Protein backbone atom coordinates (compact mmCIF):
# COMPACT_ATOMS: atom_id res chain seq x y z
CA MET A 1 14.71 -25.00 -9.35
CA ARG A 2 11.46 -24.83 -7.31
CA SER A 3 11.21 -26.13 -3.83
CA LYS A 4 8.11 -27.86 -2.32
CA ILE A 5 6.27 -25.76 0.11
CA GLU A 6 3.56 -26.84 2.52
CA ALA A 7 -0.07 -26.04 1.89
CA ASN A 8 -0.23 -23.45 4.86
CA GLU A 9 2.82 -21.65 3.10
CA TYR A 10 1.07 -21.93 -0.31
CA LYS A 11 -2.17 -20.34 1.34
CA ASP A 12 -0.07 -17.54 2.92
CA TYR A 13 1.49 -16.57 -0.68
CA ILE A 14 -1.94 -16.89 -2.52
CA LEU A 15 -3.74 -14.80 0.13
CA GLY A 16 -1.02 -12.24 0.02
CA PHE A 17 -1.32 -11.76 -3.83
CA ILE A 18 -5.20 -11.68 -3.50
CA PHE A 19 -4.96 -9.00 -1.07
CA TYR A 20 -2.27 -6.93 -3.22
CA LYS A 21 -4.57 -7.34 -6.05
CA PHE A 22 -7.36 -5.91 -4.03
CA LEU A 23 -5.57 -3.02 -2.98
CA SER A 24 -4.19 -2.36 -6.51
CA ASP A 25 -7.78 -2.54 -7.88
CA LYS A 26 -9.14 -0.28 -5.21
CA GLU A 27 -6.54 2.42 -6.21
CA VAL A 28 -7.56 2.09 -9.89
CA GLU A 29 -11.22 2.23 -9.06
CA TYR A 30 -10.62 5.34 -6.94
CA LEU A 31 -8.78 6.82 -9.52
CA LYS A 32 -11.29 6.20 -12.56
CA LYS A 33 -14.20 7.66 -10.16
CA ASN A 34 -12.01 10.62 -10.15
CA ASP A 35 -11.74 11.24 -13.91
CA TRP A 36 -8.66 9.02 -14.62
CA GLU A 37 -8.68 7.05 -17.80
CA ASP A 38 -6.81 3.89 -18.41
CA ALA A 39 -4.35 5.75 -20.83
CA ASP A 40 -3.59 8.14 -17.80
CA LEU A 41 -2.56 5.23 -15.37
CA SER A 42 0.96 5.23 -16.77
CA GLU A 43 1.39 8.67 -15.16
CA LEU A 44 1.15 7.19 -11.60
CA VAL A 45 4.64 7.67 -10.25
CA GLU A 46 5.80 8.41 -6.89
CA GLU A 47 7.52 11.76 -8.14
CA ASP A 48 4.11 13.15 -8.64
CA THR A 49 3.53 14.17 -4.98
CA ASP A 50 0.05 15.56 -5.68
CA ILE A 51 -1.45 12.30 -6.73
CA VAL A 52 0.59 10.42 -4.18
CA GLU A 53 -0.75 12.59 -1.46
CA GLN A 54 -4.26 12.44 -2.77
CA CYS A 55 -4.28 8.70 -2.88
CA LYS A 56 -2.79 8.44 0.54
CA LYS A 57 -5.37 10.93 2.04
CA ASN A 58 -8.46 9.16 0.30
CA ILE A 59 -7.68 5.52 0.33
CA GLY A 60 -4.59 5.26 2.75
CA TYR A 61 -1.85 4.08 0.40
CA PHE A 62 -0.40 4.60 -3.05
CA ILE A 63 1.04 2.17 -5.62
CA SER A 64 2.89 3.43 -8.65
CA TYR A 65 1.87 2.14 -12.28
CA GLU A 66 4.81 -0.08 -12.44
CA ASN A 67 3.61 -2.03 -9.29
CA LEU A 68 -0.08 -2.19 -10.13
CA PHE A 69 -1.33 -5.70 -10.11
CA SER A 70 -2.76 -4.96 -13.79
CA THR A 71 0.64 -3.84 -15.02
CA TRP A 72 2.13 -6.94 -13.83
CA LEU A 73 -0.35 -8.92 -15.87
CA LYS A 74 0.54 -6.88 -18.86
CA LYS A 75 4.21 -7.92 -18.61
CA GLY A 76 3.35 -11.41 -19.57
CA LYS A 77 6.57 -13.36 -19.75
CA ASP A 78 8.62 -10.30 -18.82
CA PHE A 79 7.17 -10.50 -15.38
CA ASP A 80 9.88 -11.21 -12.78
CA VAL A 81 10.07 -11.94 -8.99
CA SER A 82 11.85 -8.67 -8.71
CA ASN A 83 8.67 -6.90 -9.71
CA ILE A 84 7.00 -8.28 -6.62
CA THR A 85 9.88 -7.81 -4.13
CA ASP A 86 10.28 -4.18 -5.17
CA ALA A 87 6.52 -3.44 -5.17
CA LEU A 88 6.45 -5.03 -1.63
CA SER A 89 9.42 -3.24 -0.41
CA VAL A 90 7.76 0.24 -1.27
CA LEU A 91 4.62 -0.92 0.20
CA MET A 92 6.22 -2.18 3.39
CA GLN A 93 8.06 1.20 3.87
CA GLU A 94 4.68 2.90 3.64
CA ILE A 95 3.43 0.62 6.25
CA ARG A 96 6.21 1.25 8.51
CA MET A 97 5.84 5.01 8.18
CA LEU A 98 1.98 4.90 8.82
CA SER A 99 2.51 2.58 11.88
CA LEU A 100 5.12 4.91 13.33
CA GLN A 101 2.84 7.91 12.66
CA LEU A 102 0.00 6.11 14.44
CA TRP A 103 2.19 4.97 17.34
CA HIS A 104 3.16 8.86 17.80
CA PHE A 105 -0.55 9.91 17.91
CA VAL A 106 -1.63 7.17 20.24
CA LYS A 107 1.34 8.03 22.52
CA GLN A 108 0.30 11.57 22.42
CA GLN A 109 -3.24 11.04 23.10
CA LEU A 110 -2.30 8.81 25.99
CA THR A 111 -0.01 11.27 27.49
CA ILE A 112 -2.73 13.91 27.57
CA ARG A 113 -5.42 11.50 28.89
CA ILE A 114 -3.18 10.34 31.65
CA LYS A 115 -2.23 14.03 32.65
CA VAL A 116 -5.97 14.65 32.79
CA LEU A 117 -6.58 11.81 34.88
CA LEU A 118 -3.64 12.29 37.33
CA TYR A 119 -3.56 15.97 37.50
CA GLY A 120 -6.57 17.41 35.97
CA ILE A 121 -4.30 19.03 33.30
CA ARG A 122 -5.64 19.68 29.84
């Protein structure tokens, strides 16, 4: 059973999918510029820490093959809502970790600058 949703909610879903497709396409584009072929994309797994770190370092995130937008399209009728929830769960965990790292960095920099301003300590 499908429920009715308001136009602004629908917009949020569509924009979210467009953004996710953008991220997914950018990762594939980056990999292809670095000598990956379409046949190689199935090797994009979180267990390959080298490629995960390479992607995170160069584009800021990593999306595994099973969660790429293009992979979802290939699934056709086998595509399920769980594909989306699983992918978003992984992506949100990455965002949480990045924001925590960013917060610690900002806090450290502010602490240093406050000490310099107040005490002239570097």
